[in-house]
Amino acid sequence: MQAKANDTTTARGREAENRAAAYLERCGARVVERNFRVRGGEIDLICRDGKTLVFVEVRQRSRGDFGGAGASITASKQRRIVLAAQHYLAGKPACDCRFDCVLIDGDKLEWLRDAFSADAF
């Protein structure tokens, strides 16, 4: 039974990321990579918004019992995203970048630009 629950969670996560990517592209961003993973961190979407490289965390909650999607992006989660971004940027030319979040609470989708900063870590 556990494998089916994980499969369902993975499918929901993929669906949320697809929905977020489509929304960002409609708003003018261009998705350049999905699910960038390194040991200790992962970035759901990496986009270009004009000349800015954007690392996007997608969070979905069907219910608000535990504070909604935004509440689930803890300092620890932010630290792991920053770590993955540092790996992604290693060896690449310097560029402007930022950390955004796409929050999906039920049917509501919200794009938070510059949601957190790497400077905090």
PDB file of N, CA and C in Angstrom:
ATOM      1  N   MET A   1       0.805  -1.205   0.000  1.00  0.00           N
ATOM      2  CA  MET A   1       0.000   0.000   0.000  1.00  0.00           C
ATOM      3  C   MET A   1       0.845   1.265   0.000  1.00  0.00           C
ATOM      4  N   GLN A   2       1.958   1.268   0.666  1.00  0.00           N
ATOM      5  CA  GLN A   2       2.806   2.449   0.756  1.00  0.00           C
ATOM      6  C   GLN A   2       3.260   2.937  -0.615  1.00  0.00           C
ATOM      7  N   ALA A   3       3.621   2.032  -1.509  1.00  0.00           N
ATOM      8  CA  ALA A   3       4.083   2.427  -2.836  1.00  0.00           C
ATOM      9  C   ALA A   3       3.011   3.217  -3.579  1.00  0.00           C
ATOM     10  N   LYS A   4       1.752   2.827  -3.441  1.00  0.00           N
ATOM     11  CA  LYS A   4       0.675   3.546  -4.121  1.00  0.00           C
ATOM     12  C   LYS A   4       0.517   4.953  -3.570  1.00  0.00           C
ATOM     13  N   ALA A   5       0.633   5.125  -2.271  1.00  0.00           N
ATOM     14  CA  ALA A   5       0.546   6.456  -1.671  1.00  0.00           C
ATOM     15  C   ALA A   5       1.674   7.336  -2.196  1.00  0.00           C
ATOM     16  N   ASN A   6       2.890   6.804  -2.268  1.00  0.00           N
ATOM     17  CA  ASN A   6       4.019   7.568  -2.789  1.00  0.00           C
ATOM     18  C   ASN A   6       3.831   7.907  -4.256  1.00  0.00           C
ATOM     19  N   ASP A   7       3.293   6.947  -5.048  1.00  0.00           N
ATOM     20  CA  ASP A   7       3.028   7.203  -6.459  1.00  0.00           C
ATOM     21  C   ASP A   7       2.025   8.340  -6.617  1.00  0.00           C
ATOM     22  N   THR A   8       0.993   8.352  -5.786  1.00  0.00           N
ATOM     23  CA  THR A   8      -0.028   9.393  -5.837  1.00  0.00           C
ATOM     24  C   THR A   8       0.583  10.738  -5.464  1.00  0.00           C
ATOM     25  N   THR A   9       1.415  10.780  -4.428  1.00  0.00           N
ATOM     26  CA  THR A   9       2.068  12.014  -4.006  1.00  0.00           C
ATOM     27  C   THR A   9       2.978  12.528  -5.106  1.00  0.00           C
ATOM     28  N   THR A  10       3.736  11.644  -5.730  1.00  0.00           N
ATOM     29  CA  THR A  10       4.624  12.031  -6.825  1.00  0.00           C
ATOM     30  C   THR A  10       3.821  12.586  -7.993  1.00  0.00           C
ATOM     31  N   ALA A  11       2.728  11.933  -8.332  1.00  0.00           N
ATOM     32  CA  ALA A  11       1.885  12.401  -9.436  1.00  0.00           C
ATOM     33  C   ALA A  11       1.291  13.766  -9.127  1.00  0.00           C
ATOM     34  N   ARG A  12       0.849  13.985  -7.903  1.00  0.00           N
ATOM     35  CA  ARG A  12       0.291  15.284  -7.513  1.00  0.00           C
ATOM     36  C   ARG A  12       1.361  16.368  -7.593  1.00  0.00           C
ATOM     37  N   GLY A  13       2.565  16.031  -7.135  1.00  0.00           N
ATOM     38  CA  GLY A  13       3.672  16.986  -7.195  1.00  0.00           C
ATOM     39  C   GLY A  13       4.018  17.350  -8.623  1.00  0.00           C
ATOM     40  N   ARG A  14       4.054  16.355  -9.492  1.00  0.00           N
ATOM     41  CA  ARG A  14       4.349  16.602 -10.914  1.00  0.00           C
ATOM     42  C   ARG A  14       3.261  17.472 -11.535  1.00  0.00           C
ATOM     43  N   GLU A  15       2.020  17.193 -11.189  1.00  0.00           N
ATOM     44  CA  GLU A  15       0.896  17.986 -11.695  1.00  0.00           C
ATOM     45  C   GLU A  15       0.999  19.440 -11.226  1.00  0.00           C
ATOM     46  N   ALA A  16       1.343  19.640  -9.965  1.00  0.00           N
ATOM     47  CA  ALA A  16       1.504  20.998  -9.422  1.00  0.00           C
ATOM     48  C   ALA A  16       2.641  21.728 -10.137  1.00  0.00           C
ATOM     49  N   GLU A  17       3.752  21.039 -10.368  1.00  0.00           N
ATOM     50  CA  GLU A  17       4.882  21.657 -11.064  1.00  0.00           C
ATOM     51  C   GLU A  17       4.510  21.997 -12.504  1.00  0.00           C
ATOM     52  N   ASN A  18       3.763  21.124 -13.176  1.00  0.00           N
ATOM     53  CA  ASN A  18       3.311  21.411 -14.538  1.00  0.00           C
ATOM     54  C   ASN A  18       2.389  22.630 -14.561  1.00  0.00           C
ATOM     55  N   ARG A  19       1.503  22.695 -13.586  1.00  0.00           N
ATOM     56  CA  ARG A  19       0.582  23.833 -13.498  1.00  0.00           C
ATOM     57  C   ARG A  19       1.351  25.129 -13.243  1.00  0.00           C
ATOM     58  N   ALA A  20       2.325  25.076 -12.345  1.00  0.00           N
ATOM     59  CA  ALA A  20       3.144  26.253 -12.043  1.00  0.00           C
ATOM     60  C   ALA A  20       3.959  26.675 -13.261  1.00  0.00           C
ATOM     61  N   ALA A  21       4.566  25.709 -13.960  1.00  0.00           N
ATOM     62  CA  ALA A  21       5.379  26.017 -15.138  1.00  0.00           C
ATOM     63  C   ALA A  21       4.522  26.684 -16.220  1.00  0.00           C
ATOM     64  N   ALA A  22       3.336  26.158 -16.450  1.00  0.00           N
ATOM     65  CA  ALA A  22       2.451  26.737 -17.457  1.00  0.00           C
ATOM     66  C   ALA A  22       2.058  28.173 -17.081  1.00  0.00           C
ATOM     67  N   TYR A  23       1.789  28.388 -15.803  1.00  0.00           N
ATOM     68  CA  TYR A  23       1.426  29.723 -15.326  1.00  0.00           C
ATOM     69  C   TYR A  23       2.590  30.695 -15.521  1.00  0.00           C
ATOM     70  N   LEU A  24       3.790  30.277 -15.100  1.00  0.00           N
ATOM     71  CA  LEU A  24       4.965  31.142 -15.228  1.00  0.00           C
ATOM     72  C   LEU A  24       5.229  31.492 -16.687  1.00  0.00           C
ATOM     73  N   GLU A  25       5.064  30.522 -17.571  1.00  0.00           N
ATOM     74  CA  GLU A  25       5.289  30.779 -18.994  1.00  0.00           C
ATOM     75  C   GLU A  25       4.239  31.737 -19.558  1.00  0.00           C
ATOM     76  N   ARG A  26       2.999  31.614 -19.107  1.00  0.00           N
ATOM     77  CA  ARG A  26       1.963  32.570 -19.535  1.00  0.00           C
ATOM     78  C   ARG A  26       2.290  33.985 -19.065  1.00  0.00           C
ATOM     79  N   CYS A  27       3.018  34.077 -17.950  1.00  0.00           N
ATOM     80  CA  CYS A  27       3.399  35.385 -17.393  1.00  0.00           C
ATOM     81  C   CYS A  27       4.718  35.899 -17.977  1.00  0.00           C
ATOM     82  N   GLY A  28       5.307  35.153 -18.912  1.00  0.00           N
ATOM     83  CA  GLY A  28       6.506  35.633 -19.592  1.00  0.00           C
ATOM     84  C   GLY A  28       7.816  34.997 -19.178  1.00  0.00           C
ATOM     85  N   ALA A  29       7.808  34.161 -18.168  1.00  0.00           N
ATOM     86  CA  ALA A  29       9.035  33.465 -17.773  1.00  0.00           C
ATOM     87  C   ALA A  29       9.260  32.277 -18.711  1.00  0.00           C
ATOM     88  N   ARG A  30      10.502  31.842 -18.818  1.00  0.00           N
ATOM     89  CA  ARG A  30      10.819  30.684 -19.658  1.00  0.00           C
ATOM     90  C   ARG A  30      11.468  29.613 -18.778  1.00  0.00           C
ATOM     91  N   VAL A  31      10.864  28.445 -18.716  1.00  0.00           N
ATOM     92  CA  VAL A  31      11.408  27.342 -17.923  1.00  0.00           C
ATOM     93  C   VAL A  31      12.622  26.781 -18.650  1.00  0.00           C
ATOM     94  N   VAL A  32      13.767  26.737 -17.951  1.00  0.00           N
ATOM     95  CA  VAL A  32      14.984  26.205 -18.568  1.00  0.00           C
ATOM     96  C   VAL A  32      15.375  24.841 -18.010  1.00  0.00           C
ATOM     97  N   GLU A  33      14.869  24.518 -16.822  1.00  0.00           N
ATOM     98  CA  GLU A  33      15.167  23.208 -16.239  1.00  0.00           C
ATOM     99  C   GLU A  33      14.126  22.875 -15.180  1.00  0.00           C
ATOM    100  N   ARG A  34      13.898  21.565 -15.030  1.00  0.00           N
ATOM    101  CA  ARG A  34      12.950  21.073 -14.023  1.00  0.00           C
ATOM    102  C   ARG A  34      13.651  20.059 -13.128  1.00  0.00           C
ATOM    103  N   ASN A  35      13.282  20.061 -11.884  1.00  0.00           N
ATOM    104  CA  ASN A  35      13.740  19.070 -10.904  1.00  0.00           C
ATOM    105  C   ASN A  35      15.253  18.906 -10.890  1.00  0.00           C
ATOM    106  N   PHE A  36      15.957  20.017 -10.718  1.00  0.00           N
ATOM    107  CA  PHE A  36      17.415  19.972 -10.584  1.00  0.00           C
ATOM    108  C   PHE A  36      17.740  19.457  -9.188  1.00  0.00           C
ATOM    109  N   ARG A  37      18.469  18.348  -9.127  1.00  0.00           N
ATOM    110  CA  ARG A  37      18.768  17.704  -7.840  1.00  0.00           C
ATOM    111  C   ARG A  37      20.267  17.576  -7.625  1.00  0.00           C
ATOM    112  N   VAL A  38      20.658  17.840  -6.398  1.00  0.00           N
ATOM    113  CA  VAL A  38      22.014  17.554  -5.936  1.00  0.00           C
ATOM    114  C   VAL A  38      21.872  16.944  -4.550  1.00  0.00           C
ATOM    115  N   ARG A  39      22.930  16.359  -4.094  1.00  0.00           N
ATOM    116  CA  ARG A  39      22.887  15.799  -2.742  1.00  0.00           C
ATOM    117  C   ARG A  39      22.574  16.918  -1.748  1.00  0.00           C
ATOM    118  N   GLY A  40      21.475  16.780  -1.055  1.00  0.00           N
ATOM    119  CA  GLY A  40      21.102  17.755  -0.039  1.00  0.00           C
ATOM    120  C   GLY A  40      20.131  18.831  -0.490  1.00  0.00           C
ATOM    121  N   GLY A  41      19.732  18.825  -1.774  1.00  0.00           N
ATOM    122  CA  GLY A  41      18.814  19.863  -2.206  1.00  0.00           C
ATOM    123  C   GLY A  41      18.206  19.604  -3.567  1.00  0.00           C
ATOM    124  N   GLU A  42      17.129  20.310  -3.834  1.00  0.00           N
ATOM    125  CA  GLU A  42      16.426  20.187  -5.116  1.00  0.00           C
ATOM    126  C   GLU A  42      15.744  21.504  -5.431  1.00  0.00           C
ATOM    127  N   ILE A  43      15.678  21.811  -6.730  1.00  0.00           N
ATOM    128  CA  ILE A  43      14.947  22.984  -7.205  1.00  0.00           C
ATOM    129  C   ILE A  43      13.884  22.474  -8.165  1.00  0.00           C
ATOM    130  N   ASP A  44      12.646  22.841  -7.915  1.00  0.00           N
ATOM    131  CA  ASP A  44      11.546  22.353  -8.739  1.00  0.00           C
ATOM    132  C   ASP A  44      11.630  22.877 -10.170  1.00  0.00           C
ATOM    133  N   LEU A  45      11.764  24.197 -10.305  1.00  0.00           N
ATOM    134  CA  LEU A  45      11.829  24.818 -11.624  1.00  0.00           C
ATOM    135  C   LEU A  45      12.932  25.874 -11.632  1.00  0.00           C
ATOM    136  N   ILE A  46      13.659  25.943 -12.730  1.00  0.00           N
ATOM    137  CA  ILE A  46      14.614  27.020 -12.942  1.00  0.00           C
ATOM    138  C   ILE A  46      14.144  27.744 -14.194  1.00  0.00           C
ATOM    139  N   CYS A  47      13.949  29.050 -14.060  1.00  0.00           N
ATOM    140  CA  CYS A  47      13.370  29.841 -15.138  1.00  0.00           C
ATOM    141  C   CYS A  47      14.232  31.062 -15.449  1.00  0.00           C
ATOM    142  N   ARG A  48      13.967  31.632 -16.599  1.00  0.00           N
ATOM    143  CA  ARG A  48      14.493  32.941 -16.965  1.00  0.00           C
ATOM    144  C   ARG A  48      13.315  33.899 -16.971  1.00  0.00           C
ATOM    145  N   ASP A  49      13.455  34.973 -16.234  1.00  0.00           N
ATOM    146  CA  ASP A  49      12.462  36.038 -16.219  1.00  0.00           C
ATOM    147  C   ASP A  49      13.211  37.283 -16.669  1.00  0.00           C
ATOM    148  N   GLY A  50      13.165  37.559 -17.962  1.00  0.00           N
ATOM    149  CA  GLY A  50      14.024  38.601 -18.523  1.00  0.00           C
ATOM    150  C   GLY A  50      15.461  38.114 -18.439  1.00  0.00           C
ATOM    151  N   LYS A  51      16.323  38.926 -17.844  1.00  0.00           N
ATOM    152  CA  LYS A  51      17.730  38.534 -17.693  1.00  0.00           C
ATOM    153  C   LYS A  51      18.005  37.836 -16.363  1.00  0.00           C
ATOM    154  N   THR A  52      16.986  37.691 -15.543  1.00  0.00           N
ATOM    155  CA  THR A  52      17.148  37.120 -14.198  1.00  0.00           C
ATOM    156  C   THR A  52      16.909  35.616 -14.219  1.00  0.00           C
ATOM    157  N   LEU A  53      17.807  34.878 -13.587  1.00  0.00           N
ATOM    158  CA  LEU A  53      17.637  33.446 -13.403  1.00  0.00           C
ATOM    159  C   LEU A  53      16.829  33.252 -12.121  1.00  0.00           C
ATOM    160  N   VAL A  54      15.763  32.480 -12.216  1.00  0.00           N
ATOM    161  CA  VAL A  54      14.827  32.345 -11.094  1.00  0.00           C
ATOM    162  C   VAL A  54      14.752  30.884 -10.663  1.00  0.00           C
ATOM    163  N   PHE A  55      15.009  30.657  -9.385  1.00  0.00           N
ATOM    164  CA  PHE A  55      14.882  29.322  -8.784  1.00  0.00           C
ATOM    165  C   PHE A  55      13.524  29.281  -8.101  1.00  0.00           C
ATOM    166  N   VAL A  56      12.684  28.347  -8.540  1.00  0.00           N
ATOM    167  CA  VAL A  56      11.285  28.341  -8.107  1.00  0.00           C
ATOM    168  C   VAL A  56      10.975  27.090  -7.294  1.00  0.00           C
ATOM    169  N   GLU A  57      10.429  27.297  -6.123  1.00  0.00           N
ATOM    170  CA  GLU A  57       9.905  26.216  -5.289  1.00  0.00           C
ATOM    171  C   GLU A  57       8.393  26.193  -5.471  1.00  0.00           C
ATOM    172  N   VAL A  58       7.859  25.035  -5.808  1.00  0.00           N
ATOM    173  CA  VAL A  58       6.417  24.877  -5.994  1.00  0.00           C
ATOM    174  C   VAL A  58       5.877  24.113  -4.790  1.00  0.00           C
ATOM    175  N   ARG A  59       4.884  24.674  -4.134  1.00  0.00           N
ATOM    176  CA  ARG A  59       4.276  24.020  -2.968  1.00  0.00           C
ATOM    177  C   ARG A  59       2.771  23.979  -3.159  1.00  0.00           C
ATOM    178  N   GLN A  60       2.214  22.824  -2.920  1.00  0.00           N
ATOM    179  CA  GLN A  60       0.772  22.644  -3.074  1.00  0.00           C
ATOM    180  C   GLN A  60       0.188  22.062  -1.800  1.00  0.00           C
ATOM    181  N   ARG A  61      -0.957  22.579  -1.429  1.00  0.00           N
ATOM    182  CA  ARG A  61      -1.722  22.031  -0.319  1.00  0.00           C
ATOM    183  C   ARG A  61      -3.186  22.010  -0.731  1.00  0.00           C
ATOM    184  N   SER A  62      -3.831  20.897  -0.498  1.00  0.00           N
ATOM    185  CA  SER A  62      -5.250  20.824  -0.828  1.00  0.00           C
ATOM    186  C   SER A  62      -6.096  21.366   0.317  1.00  0.00           C
ATOM    187  N   ARG A  63      -5.507  21.415   1.520  1.00  0.00           N
ATOM    188  CA  ARG A  63      -6.221  21.913   2.692  1.00  0.00           C
ATOM    189  C   ARG A  63      -5.307  22.847   3.469  1.00  0.00           C
ATOM    190  N   GLY A  64      -5.892  23.751   4.233  1.00  0.00           N
ATOM    191  CA  GLY A  64      -5.120  24.715   5.001  1.00  0.00           C
ATOM    192  C   GLY A  64      -4.934  24.347   6.457  1.00  0.00           C
ATOM    193  N   ASP A  65      -5.162  23.088   6.808  1.00  0.00           N
ATOM    194  CA  ASP A  65      -5.096  22.670   8.213  1.00  0.00           C
ATOM    195  C   ASP A  65      -3.764  22.983   8.874  1.00  0.00           C
ATOM    196  N   PHE A  66      -2.680  22.934   8.103  1.00  0.00           N
ATOM    197  CA  PHE A  66      -1.359  23.124   8.682  1.00  0.00           C
ATOM    198  C   PHE A  66      -0.722  24.409   8.181  1.00  0.00           C
ATOM    199  N   GLY A  67      -1.524  25.409   7.862  1.00  0.00           N
ATOM    200  CA  GLY A  67      -0.999  26.709   7.487  1.00  0.00           C
ATOM    201  C   GLY A  67      -0.911  26.965   5.996  1.00  0.00           C
ATOM    202  N   GLY A  68      -1.302  26.039   5.170  1.00  0.00           N
ATOM    203  CA  GLY A  68      -1.280  26.252   3.733  1.00  0.00           C
ATOM    204  C   GLY A  68       0.091  26.032   3.127  1.00  0.00           C
ATOM    205  N   ALA A  69       0.174  26.242   1.819  1.00  0.00           N
ATOM    206  CA  ALA A  69       1.392  25.952   1.066  1.00  0.00           C
ATOM    207  C   ALA A  69       2.574  26.807   1.522  1.00  0.00           C
ATOM    208  N   GLY A  70       2.333  28.082   1.760  1.00  0.00           N
ATOM    209  CA  GLY A  70       3.418  28.979   2.158  1.00  0.00           C
ATOM    210  C   GLY A  70       4.081  28.593   3.465  1.00  0.00           C
ATOM    211  N   ALA A  71       3.304  28.102   4.393  1.00  0.00           N
ATOM    212  CA  ALA A  71       3.836  27.723   5.705  1.00  0.00           C
ATOM    213  C   ALA A  71       4.775  26.523   5.626  1.00  0.00           C
ATOM    214  N   SER A  72       4.709  25.788   4.529  1.00  0.00           N
ATOM    215  CA  SER A  72       5.533  24.583   4.420  1.00  0.00           C
ATOM    216  C   SER A  72       6.947  24.868   3.911  1.00  0.00           C
ATOM    217  N   ILE A  73       7.243  26.124   3.571  1.00  0.00           N
ATOM    218  CA  ILE A  73       8.585  26.466   3.089  1.00  0.00           C
ATOM    219  C   ILE A  73       9.388  26.991   4.272  1.00  0.00           C
ATOM    220  N   THR A  74       9.934  26.062   5.010  1.00  0.00           N
ATOM    221  CA  THR A  74      10.662  26.367   6.240  1.00  0.00           C
ATOM    222  C   THR A  74      12.065  26.893   5.926  1.00  0.00           C
ATOM    223  N   ALA A  75      12.733  27.387   6.943  1.00  0.00           N
ATOM    224  CA  ALA A  75      14.126  27.842   6.783  1.00  0.00           C
ATOM    225  C   ALA A  75      15.012  26.699   6.313  1.00  0.00           C
ATOM    226  N   SER A  76      14.762  25.504   6.818  1.00  0.00           N
ATOM    227  CA  SER A  76      15.529  24.330   6.397  1.00  0.00           C
ATOM    228  C   SER A  76      15.323  24.048   4.915  1.00  0.00           C
ATOM    229  N   LYS A  77      14.087  24.142   4.435  1.00  0.00           N
ATOM    230  CA  LYS A  77      13.776  23.931   3.018  1.00  0.00           C
ATOM    231  C   LYS A  77      14.459  25.005   2.181  1.00  0.00           C
ATOM    232  N   GLN A  78      14.409  26.245   2.624  1.00  0.00           N
ATOM    233  CA  GLN A  78      15.064  27.338   1.915  1.00  0.00           C
ATOM    234  C   GLN A  78      16.572  27.096   1.811  1.00  0.00           C
ATOM    235  N   ARG A  79      17.162  26.631   2.880  1.00  0.00           N
ATOM    236  CA  ARG A  79      18.603  26.338   2.903  1.00  0.00           C
ATOM    237  C   ARG A  79      18.946  25.278   1.846  1.00  0.00           C
ATOM    238  N   ARG A  80      18.116  24.245   1.715  1.00  0.00           N
ATOM    239  CA  ARG A  80      18.363  23.184   0.722  1.00  0.00           C
ATOM    240  C   ARG A  80      18.215  23.703  -0.705  1.00  0.00           C
ATOM    241  N   ILE A  81      17.285  24.625  -0.914  1.00  0.00           N
ATOM    242  CA  ILE A  81      17.113  25.229  -2.230  1.00  0.00           C
ATOM    243  C   ILE A  81      18.328  26.092  -2.571  1.00  0.00           C
ATOM    244  N   VAL A  82      18.787  26.879  -1.619  1.00  0.00           N
ATOM    245  CA  VAL A  82      19.972  27.719  -1.829  1.00  0.00           C
ATOM    246  C   VAL A  82      21.188  26.850  -2.132  1.00  0.00           C
ATOM    247  N   LEU A  83      21.356  25.755  -1.419  1.00  0.00           N
ATOM    248  CA  LEU A  83      22.469  24.828  -1.670  1.00  0.00           C
ATOM    249  C   LEU A  83      22.419  24.314  -3.110  1.00  0.00           C
ATOM    250  N   ALA A  84      21.255  23.884  -3.557  1.00  0.00           N
ATOM    251  CA  ALA A  84      21.112  23.380  -4.924  1.00  0.00           C
ATOM    252  C   ALA A  84      21.392  24.497  -5.934  1.00  0.00           C
ATOM    253  N   ALA A  85      20.952  25.708  -5.651  1.00  0.00           N
ATOM    254  CA  ALA A  85      21.203  26.836  -6.552  1.00  0.00           C
ATOM    255  C   ALA A  85      22.698  27.126  -6.654  1.00  0.00           C
ATOM    256  N   GLN A  86      23.408  27.040  -5.541  1.00  0.00           N
ATOM    257  CA  GLN A  86      24.857  27.253  -5.563  1.00  0.00           C
ATOM    258  C   GLN A  86      25.537  26.225  -6.459  1.00  0.00           C
ATOM    259  N   HIS A  87      25.097  24.986  -6.381  1.00  0.00           N
ATOM    260  CA  HIS A  87      25.646  23.937  -7.253  1.00  0.00           C
ATOM    261  C   HIS A  87      25.319  24.230  -8.715  1.00  0.00           C
ATOM    262  N   TYR A  88      24.097  24.647  -8.968  1.00  0.00           N
ATOM    263  CA  TYR A  88      23.683  24.939 -10.337  1.00  0.00           C
ATOM    264  C   TYR A  88      24.528  26.072 -10.935  1.00  0.00           C
ATOM    265  N   LEU A  89      24.800  27.089 -10.121  1.00  0.00           N
ATOM    266  CA  LEU A  89      25.521  28.266 -10.599  1.00  0.00           C
ATOM    267  C   LEU A  89      27.032  28.058 -10.694  1.00  0.00           C
ATOM    268  N   ALA A  90      27.552  27.043 -10.028  1.00  0.00           N
ATOM    269  CA  ALA A  90      29.005  26.805 -10.011  1.00  0.00           C
ATOM    270  C   ALA A  90      29.536  26.667 -11.434  1.00  0.00           C
ATOM    271  N   GLY A  91      30.549  27.456 -11.746  1.00  0.00           N
ATOM    272  CA  GLY A  91      31.179  27.382 -13.055  1.00  0.00           C
ATOM    273  C   GLY A  91      30.450  28.122 -14.156  1.00  0.00           C
ATOM    274  N   LYS A  92      29.300  28.718 -13.842  1.00  0.00           N
ATOM    275  CA  LYS A  92      28.550  29.492 -14.832  1.00  0.00           C
ATOM    276  C   LYS A  92      28.902  30.972 -14.661  1.00  0.00           C
ATOM    277  N   PRO A  93      28.756  31.759 -15.716  1.00  0.00           N
ATOM    278  CA  PRO A  93      28.993  33.204 -15.585  1.00  0.00           C
ATOM    279  C   PRO A  93      28.049  33.816 -14.551  1.00  0.00           C
ATOM    280  N   ALA A  94      28.513  34.837 -13.869  1.00  0.00           N
ATOM    281  CA  ALA A  94      27.696  35.516 -12.863  1.00  0.00           C
ATOM    282  C   ALA A  94      26.446  36.094 -13.509  1.00  0.00           C
ATOM    283  N   CYS A  95      25.336  36.013 -12.805  1.00  0.00           N
ATOM    284  CA  CYS A  95      24.083  36.576 -13.312  1.00  0.00           C
ATOM    285  C   CYS A  95      23.201  36.963 -12.131  1.00  0.00           C
ATOM    286  N   ASP A  96      22.222  37.800 -12.424  1.00  0.00           N
ATOM    287  CA  ASP A  96      21.236  38.139 -11.408  1.00  0.00           C
ATOM    288  C   ASP A  96      20.348  36.924 -11.205  1.00  0.00           C
ATOM    289  N   CYS A  97      20.039  36.626  -9.951  1.00  0.00           N
ATOM    290  CA  CYS A  97      19.127  35.521  -9.683  1.00  0.00           C
ATOM    291  C   CYS A  97      18.269  35.857  -8.472  1.00  0.00           C
ATOM    292  N   ARG A  98      17.181  35.099  -8.359  1.00  0.00           N
ATOM    293  CA  ARG A  98      16.294  35.291  -7.207  1.00  0.00           C
ATOM    294  C   ARG A  98      15.590  33.973  -6.915  1.00  0.00           C
ATOM    295  N   PHE A  99      14.956  33.936  -5.753  1.00  0.00           N
ATOM    296  CA  PHE A  99      14.234  32.749  -5.297  1.00  0.00           C
ATOM    297  C   PHE A  99      12.756  33.095  -5.198  1.00  0.00           C
ATOM    298  N   ASP A 100      11.955  32.409  -6.005  1.00  0.00           N
ATOM    299  CA  ASP A 100      10.509  32.619  -6.029  1.00  0.00           C
ATOM    300  C   ASP A 100       9.807  31.366  -5.524  1.00  0.00           C
ATOM    301  N   CYS A 101       8.551  31.521  -5.179  1.00  0.00           N
ATOM    302  CA  CYS A 101       7.711  30.386  -4.803  1.00  0.00           C
ATOM    303  C   CYS A 101       6.398  30.494  -5.554  1.00  0.00           C
ATOM    304  N   VAL A 102       5.897  29.363  -5.989  1.00  0.00           N
ATOM    305  CA  VAL A 102       4.545  29.291  -6.522  1.00  0.00           C
ATOM    306  C   VAL A 102       3.763  28.457  -5.516  1.00  0.00           C
ATOM    307  N   LEU A 103       2.762  29.083  -4.938  1.00  0.00           N
ATOM    308  CA  LEU A 103       1.949  28.439  -3.907  1.00  0.00           C
ATOM    309  C   LEU A 103       0.599  28.076  -4.492  1.00  0.00           C
ATOM    310  N   ILE A 104       0.221  26.832  -4.309  1.00  0.00           N
ATOM    311  CA  ILE A 104      -1.064  26.358  -4.793  1.00  0.00           C
ATOM    312  C   ILE A 104      -1.852  25.846  -3.590  1.00  0.00           C
ATOM    313  N   ASP A 105      -2.882  26.590  -3.244  1.00  0.00           N
ATOM    314  CA  ASP A 105      -3.773  26.208  -2.146  1.00  0.00           C
ATOM    315  C   ASP A 105      -5.138  25.932  -2.753  1.00  0.00           C
ATOM    316  N   GLY A 106      -5.466  24.642  -2.893  1.00  0.00           N
ATOM    317  CA  GLY A 106      -6.714  24.276  -3.552  1.00  0.00           C
ATOM    318  C   GLY A 106      -6.676  24.726  -4.998  1.00  0.00           C
ATOM    319  N   ASP A 107      -7.600  25.594  -5.398  1.00  0.00           N
ATOM    320  CA  ASP A 107      -7.650  26.105  -6.768  1.00  0.00           C
ATOM    321  C   ASP A 107      -6.881  27.415  -6.938  1.00  0.00           C
ATOM    322  N   LYS A 108      -6.441  27.994  -5.830  1.00  0.00           N
ATOM    323  CA  LYS A 108      -5.763  29.298  -5.871  1.00  0.00           C
ATOM    324  C   LYS A 108      -4.263  29.115  -6.115  1.00  0.00           C
ATOM    325  N   LEU A 109      -3.719  29.836  -7.106  1.00  0.00           N
ATOM    326  CA  LEU A 109      -2.288  29.807  -7.401  1.00  0.00           C
ATOM    327  C   LEU A 109      -1.735  31.209  -7.189  1.00  0.00           C
ATOM    328  N   GLU A 110      -0.599  31.307  -6.485  1.00  0.00           N
ATOM    329  CA  GLU A 110       0.018  32.602  -6.203  1.00  0.00           C
ATOM    330  C   GLU A 110       1.513  32.514  -6.485  1.00  0.00           C
ATOM    331  N   TRP A 111       2.045  33.472  -7.240  1.00  0.00           N
ATOM    332  CA  TRP A 111       3.478  33.542  -7.551  1.00  0.00           C
ATOM    333  C   TRP A 111       4.104  34.600  -6.659  1.00  0.00           C
ATOM    334  N   LEU A 112       4.966  34.182  -5.763  1.00  0.00           N
ATOM    335  CA  LEU A 112       5.676  35.104  -4.883  1.00  0.00           C
ATOM    336  C   LEU A 112       7.074  35.335  -5.440  1.00  0.00           C
ATOM    337  N   ARG A 113       7.291  36.503  -6.014  1.00  0.00           N
ATOM    338  CA  ARG A 113       8.605  36.857  -6.529  1.00  0.00           C
ATOM    339  C   ARG A 113       9.499  37.268  -5.374  1.00  0.00           C
ATOM    340  N   ASP A 114      10.769  36.856  -5.457  1.00  0.00           N
ATOM    341  CA  ASP A 114      11.757  37.235  -4.440  1.00  0.00           C
ATOM    342  C   ASP A 114      11.261  36.820  -3.045  1.00  0.00           C
ATOM    343  N   ALA A 115      10.800  35.599  -2.932  1.00  0.00           N
ATOM    344  CA  ALA A 115      10.176  35.101  -1.705  1.00  0.00           C
ATOM    345  C   ALA A 115      11.147  34.986  -0.533  1.00  0.00           C
ATOM    346  N   PHE A 116      12.411  34.673  -0.850  1.00  0.00           N
ATOM    347  CA  PHE A 116      13.441  34.628   0.184  1.00  0.00           C
ATOM    348  C   PHE A 116      14.781  34.907  -0.459  1.00  0.00           C
ATOM    349  N   SER A 117      15.789  35.104   0.389  1.00  0.00           N
ATOM    350  CA  SER A 117      17.109  35.480  -0.097  1.00  0.00           C
ATOM    351  C   SER A 117      18.169  34.477   0.331  1.00  0.00           C
ATOM    352  N   ALA A 118      19.164  34.289  -0.509  1.00  0.00           N
ATOM    353  CA  ALA A 118      20.290  33.409  -0.164  1.00  0.00           C
ATOM    354  C   ALA A 118      21.152  34.047   0.926  1.00  0.00           C
ATOM    355  N   ASP A 119      21.051  35.360   1.084  1.00  0.00           N
ATOM    356  CA  ASP A 119      21.873  36.062   2.074  1.00  0.00           C
ATOM    357  C   ASP A 119      21.597  35.611   3.499  1.00  0.00           C
ATOM    358  N   ALA A 120      20.407  35.088   3.739  1.00  0.00           N
ATOM    359  CA  ALA A 120      20.037  34.641   5.088  1.00  0.00           C
ATOM    360  C   ALA A 120      20.815  33.392   5.496  1.00  0.00           C
ATOM    361  N   PHE A 121      21.458  32.741   4.511  1.00  0.00           N
ATOM    362  CA  PHE A 121      22.150  31.497   4.802  1.00  0.00           C
ATOM    363  C   PHE A 121      23.609  31.672   4.509  1.00  0.00           C
TER     364      PHE A 121
END
